[in-house]
N, C-alpha and C. Protein backbone atom coordinates (compact mmCIF):
# COMPACT_ATOMS: atom_id res chain seq x y z
N MET A 1 100.95 93.87 66.80
CA MET A 1 101.63 94.27 65.47
C MET A 1 100.73 94.82 64.66
N LEU A 2 99.70 94.12 64.59
CA LEU A 2 98.86 94.65 63.29
C LEU A 2 98.02 95.82 63.80
N ALA A 3 97.81 95.86 65.14
CA ALA A 3 96.90 97.33 65.20
C ALA A 3 97.95 98.37 65.39
N LEU A 4 99.21 98.12 65.74
CA LEU A 4 100.30 99.16 65.69
C LEU A 4 100.35 99.90 64.43
N TYR A 5 100.75 99.11 63.42
CA TYR A 5 100.82 99.16 62.00
C TYR A 5 99.57 98.96 61.08
N ARG A 6 98.37 99.72 61.36
CA ARG A 6 97.54 99.42 60.65
C ARG A 6 97.21 99.50 59.11
N GLY A 7 98.31 100.16 58.48
CA GLY A 7 98.23 100.35 57.12
C GLY A 7 99.18 99.30 56.33
N LEU A 8 99.89 98.35 57.17
CA LEU A 8 100.86 97.66 56.55
C LEU A 8 100.40 96.44 56.17
N PRO A 9 100.67 95.37 55.39
CA PRO A 9 100.20 93.84 55.40
C PRO A 9 101.11 93.33 55.77
N PHE A 10 100.79 92.12 56.14
CA PHE A 10 101.59 90.87 57.07
C PHE A 10 101.88 89.90 56.66
N VAL A 11 103.02 89.28 56.58
CA VAL A 11 103.24 87.84 56.40
C VAL A 11 103.42 86.93 57.48
N LEU A 12 102.79 85.77 58.03
CA LEU A 12 103.10 85.15 59.05
C LEU A 12 104.03 83.57 58.90
N ILE A 13 104.93 83.64 59.69
CA ILE A 13 105.69 82.34 59.49
C ILE A 13 105.77 81.66 60.40
N GLY A 14 105.49 80.34 60.46
CA GLY A 14 105.61 79.52 61.46
C GLY A 14 105.78 77.84 61.22
N ASP A 15 105.57 77.29 61.99
CA ASP A 15 105.48 75.60 61.81
C ASP A 15 104.56 74.77 62.34
N SER A 16 104.32 73.49 61.52
CA SER A 16 103.32 72.87 61.80
C SER A 16 103.34 72.01 63.32
N GLY A 17 104.37 72.21 63.90
CA GLY A 17 104.57 71.31 65.17
C GLY A 17 103.68 71.98 66.38
N GLN A 18 103.46 73.13 66.65
CA GLN A 18 102.95 73.63 67.92
C GLN A 18 101.78 74.41 67.41
N HIS A 19 101.53 75.55 68.11
CA HIS A 19 100.05 76.22 67.78
C HIS A 19 99.97 77.18 66.87
N ASP A 20 101.04 77.63 65.89
CA ASP A 20 101.21 78.42 65.04
C ASP A 20 99.97 78.52 63.96
N PRO A 21 99.61 77.52 63.53
CA PRO A 21 98.49 77.16 62.57
C PRO A 21 97.19 77.91 63.30
N GLU A 22 96.96 77.14 64.58
CA GLU A 22 95.65 77.82 65.15
C GLU A 22 95.86 79.39 65.47
N ILE A 23 97.01 79.86 66.18
CA ILE A 23 97.21 81.30 66.24
C ILE A 23 96.81 82.14 64.83
N TYR A 24 97.51 81.65 63.77
CA TYR A 24 97.31 82.24 62.47
C TYR A 24 95.91 82.40 61.82
N ARG A 25 95.43 81.15 62.12
CA ARG A 25 93.74 81.08 61.57
C ARG A 25 93.20 82.27 62.35
N GLN A 26 93.27 82.51 63.58
CA GLN A 26 92.33 83.49 64.37
C GLN A 26 93.15 84.96 63.84
N ILE A 27 94.33 85.03 63.84
CA ILE A 27 94.84 86.43 62.96
C ILE A 27 94.08 86.78 62.00
N VAL A 28 94.08 86.01 60.68
CA VAL A 28 93.80 85.86 59.60
C VAL A 28 91.84 86.51 60.00
N ASN A 29 91.51 85.40 60.56
CA ASN A 29 89.89 85.82 60.95
C ASN A 29 89.56 87.18 61.44
N GLU A 30 90.34 87.56 62.36
CA GLU A 30 90.04 89.12 62.98
C GLU A 30 90.72 90.00 62.27
N HIS A 31 91.79 89.87 61.11
CA HIS A 31 92.17 90.91 60.31
C HIS A 31 91.96 90.47 58.63
N PRO A 32 90.55 90.51 58.23
CA PRO A 32 90.66 90.07 56.91
C PRO A 32 91.42 91.26 56.03
N GLY A 33 92.05 90.65 54.96
CA GLY A 33 92.70 91.26 54.01
C GLY A 33 94.11 91.97 54.69
N ARG A 34 94.45 91.71 55.59
CA ARG A 34 95.61 92.41 56.21
C ARG A 34 97.08 91.14 56.15
N VAL A 35 96.42 90.01 55.89
CA VAL A 35 97.54 89.01 55.97
C VAL A 35 97.82 88.55 54.26
N LEU A 36 99.00 88.75 53.75
CA LEU A 36 99.14 88.67 52.64
C LEU A 36 99.56 87.06 52.29
N ALA A 37 100.07 86.29 52.96
CA ALA A 37 100.34 84.85 52.98
C ALA A 37 100.68 84.26 54.53
N VAL A 38 100.50 82.96 54.77
CA VAL A 38 100.85 82.39 55.77
C VAL A 38 101.82 81.07 55.27
N TYR A 39 103.08 81.31 55.77
CA TYR A 39 103.73 80.09 55.36
C TYR A 39 104.34 79.57 56.61
N ILE A 40 103.87 78.15 56.40
CA ILE A 40 104.04 76.95 57.50
C ILE A 40 105.17 76.14 57.05
N ARG A 41 106.20 75.65 57.98
CA ARG A 41 107.18 74.54 57.79
C ARG A 41 106.38 73.43 58.24
N ASN A 42 106.44 72.45 57.69
CA ASN A 42 105.94 71.21 57.80
C ASN A 42 106.65 70.38 58.72
N VAL A 43 106.60 70.16 59.46
CA VAL A 43 107.36 69.29 60.32
C VAL A 43 106.59 68.03 60.89
N SER A 44 105.42 68.12 60.65
CA SER A 44 104.92 66.63 60.95
C SER A 44 103.90 66.10 59.84
N ARG A 45 103.88 64.70 59.77
CA ARG A 45 103.17 64.22 58.50
C ARG A 45 102.03 63.35 59.28
N SER A 46 101.61 63.81 60.46
CA SER A 46 100.42 63.47 61.38
C SER A 46 99.01 63.69 60.29
N PRO A 47 98.29 62.94 60.27
CA PRO A 47 97.06 62.71 59.45
C PRO A 47 96.05 64.03 60.20
N LYS A 48 96.13 63.74 61.61
CA LYS A 48 95.41 64.96 62.19
C LYS A 48 95.81 66.07 62.31
N ARG A 49 97.23 66.35 62.21
CA ARG A 49 97.76 67.49 62.01
C ARG A 49 97.46 68.22 60.58
N ILE A 50 97.96 67.31 59.77
CA ILE A 50 96.90 67.85 58.41
C ILE A 50 95.80 68.54 58.58
N LYS A 51 94.84 67.78 58.79
CA LYS A 51 93.63 68.44 59.15
C LYS A 51 93.31 69.71 59.53
N GLU A 52 94.15 69.71 60.76
CA GLU A 52 94.17 70.89 61.43
C GLU A 52 94.90 72.39 60.62
N ILE A 53 95.50 71.85 59.93
CA ILE A 53 96.18 72.90 58.94
C ILE A 53 95.18 73.09 57.52
N GLU A 54 94.58 72.10 57.31
CA GLU A 54 93.52 72.15 56.54
C GLU A 54 92.32 73.21 57.00
N ASP A 55 92.24 73.40 58.07
CA ASP A 55 91.10 74.12 58.70
C ASP A 55 91.76 75.60 58.33
N LEU A 56 92.83 75.56 58.83
CA LEU A 56 93.64 77.26 58.66
C LEU A 56 93.79 77.57 57.15
N ALA A 57 93.89 76.70 56.22
CA ALA A 57 93.88 77.07 54.85
C ALA A 57 92.63 77.45 54.32
N LYS A 58 91.35 76.95 54.93
CA LYS A 58 90.19 77.16 54.62
C LYS A 58 90.03 78.83 55.06
N VAL A 59 90.25 79.06 56.42
CA VAL A 59 90.05 80.26 56.63
C VAL A 59 91.06 81.51 56.04
N VAL A 60 92.37 80.90 55.89
CA VAL A 60 93.24 81.83 54.86
C VAL A 60 92.84 82.11 53.32
N ALA A 61 92.42 80.76 52.51
CA ALA A 61 92.29 81.22 51.25
C ALA A 61 90.77 82.04 51.39
N GLY A 62 89.81 81.74 52.34
CA GLY A 62 88.56 82.40 52.19
C GLY A 62 88.97 84.15 52.42
N ALA A 63 89.94 84.18 53.20
CA ALA A 63 89.93 85.85 53.62
C ALA A 63 90.86 86.49 52.27
N GLY A 64 91.00 85.84 51.16
CA GLY A 64 91.87 86.03 49.87
C GLY A 64 93.37 86.05 50.33
N SER A 65 93.85 85.30 51.14
CA SER A 65 95.21 85.32 51.27
C SER A 65 95.63 84.06 50.71
N SER A 66 97.13 83.61 50.94
CA SER A 66 97.66 82.44 50.60
C SER A 66 98.15 81.55 51.93
N LEU A 67 98.39 80.37 51.57
CA LEU A 67 98.72 79.20 52.55
C LEU A 67 99.74 78.51 51.88
N VAL A 68 100.79 78.34 52.37
CA VAL A 68 101.70 77.67 51.90
C VAL A 68 102.57 76.44 53.07
N LEU A 69 102.34 75.55 52.94
CA LEU A 69 102.72 74.22 53.74
C LEU A 69 103.90 73.54 53.09
N ALA A 70 105.42 73.74 53.77
CA ALA A 70 106.29 73.36 53.01
C ALA A 70 107.42 72.78 53.80
N ALA A 71 108.06 71.82 53.34
CA ALA A 71 109.24 70.90 54.17
C ALA A 71 110.70 71.65 54.32
N ASP A 72 110.55 72.90 53.42
CA ASP A 72 111.37 73.54 53.46
C ASP A 72 111.39 75.13 52.93
N SER A 73 112.25 76.08 52.92
CA SER A 73 111.95 77.24 52.40
C SER A 73 112.22 77.70 51.28
N LEU A 74 112.66 76.60 50.31
CA LEU A 74 112.41 77.04 49.20
C LEU A 74 111.10 77.25 48.17
N ALA A 75 110.07 76.19 48.78
CA ALA A 75 108.76 77.08 48.18
C ALA A 75 108.23 78.25 48.71
N MET A 76 108.35 78.29 49.88
CA MET A 76 108.01 79.67 50.59
C MET A 76 108.55 80.90 49.55
N ALA A 77 109.92 80.78 49.43
CA ALA A 77 110.56 81.83 48.91
C ALA A 77 110.14 82.05 47.40
N GLU A 78 109.95 80.82 46.74
CA GLU A 78 109.23 81.03 45.58
C GLU A 78 107.89 81.71 45.50
N HIS A 79 107.19 81.47 46.63
CA HIS A 79 105.95 82.25 46.51
C HIS A 79 105.92 83.46 46.95
N ALA A 80 106.79 83.70 47.87
CA ALA A 80 107.22 85.27 48.05
C ALA A 80 107.62 85.89 47.05
N VAL A 81 108.57 85.46 46.22
CA VAL A 81 109.04 86.25 44.77
C VAL A 81 107.71 86.73 44.01
N GLY A 82 106.99 85.27 43.95
CA GLY A 82 105.65 85.66 43.05
C GLY A 82 104.43 86.89 43.89
N LEU A 83 104.72 86.59 45.11
CA LEU A 83 103.89 88.15 45.66
C LEU A 83 104.52 89.18 45.64
N GLY A 84 105.80 89.22 45.34
CA GLY A 84 106.78 90.54 45.09
C GLY A 84 107.17 91.01 46.49
N LEU A 85 107.47 90.04 47.36
CA LEU A 85 107.79 90.07 48.59
C LEU A 85 109.34 90.20 48.72
N ILE A 86 109.80 89.28 47.96
CA ILE A 86 111.51 89.09 47.72
C ILE A 86 112.03 89.41 46.64
N ALA A 87 113.26 89.62 46.49
CA ALA A 87 113.68 89.97 44.97
C ALA A 87 113.95 88.76 44.38
N PRO A 88 113.69 88.49 43.15
CA PRO A 88 113.91 86.90 42.36
C PRO A 88 115.51 86.24 42.45
N MET A 89 116.27 87.62 42.44
CA MET A 89 117.62 86.97 42.88
C MET A 89 117.75 86.07 44.12
N THR A 90 117.01 86.39 45.11
CA THR A 90 117.52 85.82 46.25
C THR A 90 116.92 84.13 45.98
N LEU A 91 116.42 84.08 45.23
CA LEU A 91 116.04 82.53 44.98
C LEU A 91 117.44 81.35 44.94
N SER A 92 118.21 82.11 44.29
CA SER A 92 119.76 81.15 44.05
C SER A 92 120.22 81.24 45.41
N ASP A 93 120.13 82.34 46.56
CA ASP A 93 120.69 82.25 47.77
C ASP A 93 120.11 81.21 48.66
N VAL A 94 118.59 80.85 48.42
CA VAL A 94 117.90 79.87 49.38
C VAL A 94 118.64 78.49 48.64
N ARG A 95 118.35 78.21 47.36
CA ARG A 95 118.99 77.20 46.87
C ARG A 95 119.92 76.87 47.27
N ASP A 96 121.16 77.53 47.18
CA ASP A 96 122.20 77.39 47.70
C ASP A 96 122.34 76.94 48.93
N GLU A 97 121.40 77.64 50.21
CA GLU A 97 121.80 77.17 51.40
C GLU A 97 121.05 75.94 51.77
N LYS A 98 120.04 75.51 50.75
CA LYS A 98 119.17 74.28 50.90
C LYS A 98 120.36 73.03 50.43
N ALA A 99 120.97 73.75 49.45
CA ALA A 99 121.96 72.62 48.76
C ALA A 99 123.03 72.07 49.62
N ALA A 100 123.28 73.25 50.36
CA ALA A 100 124.48 72.93 51.39
C ALA A 100 124.25 72.21 52.64
N ALA A 101 122.63 72.41 53.06
CA ALA A 101 122.24 71.93 54.19
C ALA A 101 122.01 70.08 53.81
N ALA A 102 121.67 69.88 52.71
CA ALA A 102 121.43 68.76 52.36
C ALA A 102 121.43 68.38 50.75
N ASP A 103 122.78 68.15 50.58
CA ASP A 103 123.32 68.06 49.10
C ASP A 103 123.02 66.82 48.27
N THR A 104 122.19 65.92 49.14
CA THR A 104 122.15 64.60 48.52
C THR A 104 120.54 64.28 48.90
N ALA A 105 119.78 65.10 49.56
CA ALA A 105 118.16 64.63 49.74
C ALA A 105 117.54 65.36 48.55
N GLN A 106 116.48 64.43 48.40
CA GLN A 106 115.57 64.88 47.37
C GLN A 106 114.52 65.79 47.74
N PRO A 107 114.49 66.81 46.71
CA PRO A 107 113.54 67.83 47.01
C PRO A 107 111.97 67.58 47.15
N PRO A 108 111.59 68.33 48.32
CA PRO A 108 110.16 67.79 48.60
C PRO A 108 109.36 68.09 47.39
N ALA A 109 108.08 67.25 47.02
CA ALA A 109 107.13 67.82 45.94
C ALA A 109 106.56 69.02 46.43
N THR A 110 105.82 69.76 45.31
CA THR A 110 105.03 71.01 45.43
C THR A 110 103.74 70.90 44.99
N HIS A 111 102.94 70.98 45.67
CA HIS A 111 101.33 70.70 45.11
C HIS A 111 100.83 71.93 45.40
N GLY A 112 99.74 72.44 44.57
CA GLY A 112 98.65 73.43 44.73
C GLY A 112 97.30 73.18 44.45
N ILE A 113 96.82 73.93 45.05
CA ILE A 113 95.23 73.96 44.94
C ILE A 113 94.87 75.48 44.65
N GLN A 114 94.24 75.51 43.52
CA GLN A 114 94.10 77.10 43.05
C GLN A 114 92.82 77.06 42.41
N ARG A 115 91.68 78.00 42.74
CA ARG A 115 90.48 77.99 42.20
C ARG A 115 90.11 79.53 41.80
N ALA A 116 89.04 79.76 41.23
CA ALA A 116 88.63 81.03 40.36
C ALA A 116 88.59 81.93 41.61
N THR A 117 88.05 81.66 42.75
CA THR A 117 87.67 82.49 44.15
C THR A 117 88.33 81.79 45.16
N PRO A 118 88.46 82.86 46.46
CA PRO A 118 89.07 82.15 47.69
C PRO A 118 87.81 81.21 48.34
N ALA A 119 86.72 81.49 48.06
CA ALA A 119 85.65 80.53 48.53
C ALA A 119 85.46 79.42 47.80
N ALA A 120 86.07 79.21 46.74
CA ALA A 120 86.31 77.93 45.72
C ALA A 120 87.31 77.09 46.47
N THR A 121 88.57 77.94 46.16
CA THR A 121 89.74 77.32 47.03
C THR A 121 89.17 76.52 48.47
N ALA A 122 88.67 77.59 49.25
CA ALA A 122 88.03 76.73 50.75
C ALA A 122 87.44 75.68 50.55
N ASP A 123 86.61 75.65 49.40
CA ASP A 123 85.59 74.45 49.20
C ASP A 123 86.43 73.08 48.86
N ALA A 124 87.48 73.54 47.84
CA ALA A 124 88.33 72.26 47.54
C ALA A 124 89.11 71.55 48.56
N VAL A 125 89.31 72.55 49.54
CA VAL A 125 90.23 72.33 50.83
C VAL A 125 89.25 71.36 51.79
N SER A 126 88.20 71.84 51.80
CA SER A 126 87.00 71.20 52.71
C SER A 126 86.72 69.77 52.08
N ARG A 127 86.61 69.59 50.70
CA ARG A 127 86.43 68.35 49.95
C ARG A 127 87.84 67.40 50.42
N GLY A 128 88.51 67.86 50.92
CA GLY A 128 89.93 66.96 50.93
C GLY A 128 90.88 66.72 49.94
N ASP A 129 91.06 68.03 49.12
CA ASP A 129 91.98 67.82 47.92
C ASP A 129 93.31 67.76 48.84
N LEU A 130 93.43 69.11 49.67
CA LEU A 130 94.70 69.32 50.28
C LEU A 130 95.11 67.78 50.91
N GLN A 131 94.35 67.23 51.70
CA GLN A 131 94.53 65.65 52.48
C GLN A 131 95.01 64.94 51.19
N HIS A 132 94.37 64.77 49.96
CA HIS A 132 94.64 63.91 48.90
C HIS A 132 95.81 64.01 48.62
N LEU A 133 96.52 65.42 48.30
CA LEU A 133 97.55 66.14 47.63
C LEU A 133 98.68 65.57 48.56
N VAL A 134 98.64 65.47 50.17
CA VAL A 134 99.58 65.41 51.24
C VAL A 134 99.71 63.89 51.16
N GLU A 135 98.82 63.29 51.04
CA GLU A 135 98.82 61.69 51.36
C GLU A 135 99.38 61.11 50.06
N THR A 136 99.34 61.78 48.86
CA THR A 136 99.99 60.98 47.89
C THR A 136 101.30 61.44 47.27
N GLY A 137 101.75 62.47 48.47
CA GLY A 137 103.33 63.18 48.19
C GLY A 137 104.56 61.95 48.47
N SER A 138 105.61 62.44 48.63
CA SER A 138 106.67 61.53 48.79
C SER A 138 106.71 61.13 50.29
N GLU A 139 107.04 59.67 50.52
CA GLU A 139 107.17 59.23 51.91
C GLU A 139 108.29 59.73 52.40
N ALA A 140 109.25 60.11 51.58
CA ALA A 140 110.81 60.29 52.32
C ALA A 140 110.77 61.96 52.87
N VAL A 141 109.95 62.59 52.24
CA VAL A 141 110.24 64.31 52.36
C VAL A 141 108.71 64.75 52.70
N PRO A 142 108.11 65.39 53.79
CA PRO A 142 106.98 65.99 53.66
C PRO A 142 106.63 66.74 52.11
N PRO A 143 105.47 66.67 51.84
CA PRO A 143 105.36 67.65 50.60
C PRO A 143 105.20 68.98 50.90
N SER A 144 105.47 69.87 49.76
CA SER A 144 105.02 71.41 50.16
C SER A 144 103.19 71.61 49.45
N VAL A 145 102.50 72.44 49.78
CA VAL A 145 101.50 72.52 49.33
C VAL A 145 101.01 73.80 49.53
N ILE A 146 100.46 74.37 48.64
CA ILE A 146 100.35 75.74 48.28
C ILE A 146 98.76 76.06 48.10
N VAL A 147 98.07 76.59 49.03
CA VAL A 147 96.55 77.04 48.89
C VAL A 147 96.45 78.42 48.88
N GLU A 148 95.90 79.05 47.63
CA GLU A 148 95.71 80.38 47.73
C GLU A 148 94.56 81.17 46.62
N PRO A 149 94.06 81.84 46.71
CA PRO A 149 92.85 82.28 45.97
C PRO A 149 93.33 82.32 44.23
N LYS A 150 92.67 82.53 43.63
CA LYS A 150 92.92 82.40 42.04
C LYS A 150 93.49 83.67 41.61
N THR A 151 92.88 84.99 42.11
CA THR A 151 93.68 86.27 42.10
C THR A 151 94.17 86.93 43.30
N ARG A 152 95.29 87.15 43.30
CA ARG A 152 96.06 87.56 44.40
C ARG A 152 95.96 89.41 44.65
N ARG A 153 95.95 89.77 45.30
CA ARG A 153 95.85 91.11 45.82
C ARG A 153 96.97 91.80 45.30
N PRO A 154 97.36 92.90 44.87
CA PRO A 154 98.48 93.38 44.40
C PRO A 154 99.21 93.84 45.69
N LEU A 155 100.32 93.70 45.75
CA LEU A 155 101.05 94.53 46.97
C LEU A 155 101.31 95.91 46.92
N ASP A 156 100.89 96.57 47.72
CA ASP A 156 100.84 98.15 47.64
C ASP A 156 102.15 98.71 47.87
N LYS A 157 102.95 99.25 46.88
CA LYS A 157 104.26 100.09 47.13
C LYS A 157 104.47 100.92 47.55
N ALA A 158 103.19 101.71 47.89
CA ALA A 158 103.61 103.15 48.46
C ALA A 158 103.71 103.44 49.54
């Protein structure tokens, strides 16, 4: 798809359960600057799997993109609004769907690592900042983690 639509930016969406993070790491590495964000649904609390996602986060942040690891779609939607990918008014729809699915569930914690440059963000992740955030998150619900460069590339609306 990236070869077919060379002029378009992309958002990659998957989950932490299978091979999505590894595939996305390769895509970001092979197409620097083309991936605006990587959204990963956190379906695993395995420390080994979190380490694998940290490796993806280093590549994504180093390429100037963002990584959102979230237990539900609300953190992803909020991030997408910040990038201008979806309209702000859609957040209420996402919140309503989330509430309908689990009206008594506690919302997952959202944590962030943000540094002045993509390289500094990657360094923070390699030092274990992401692992620390995940380990200190809620026991009941996997946390959301956002790793992104300090300066986002503006979405070209032309």
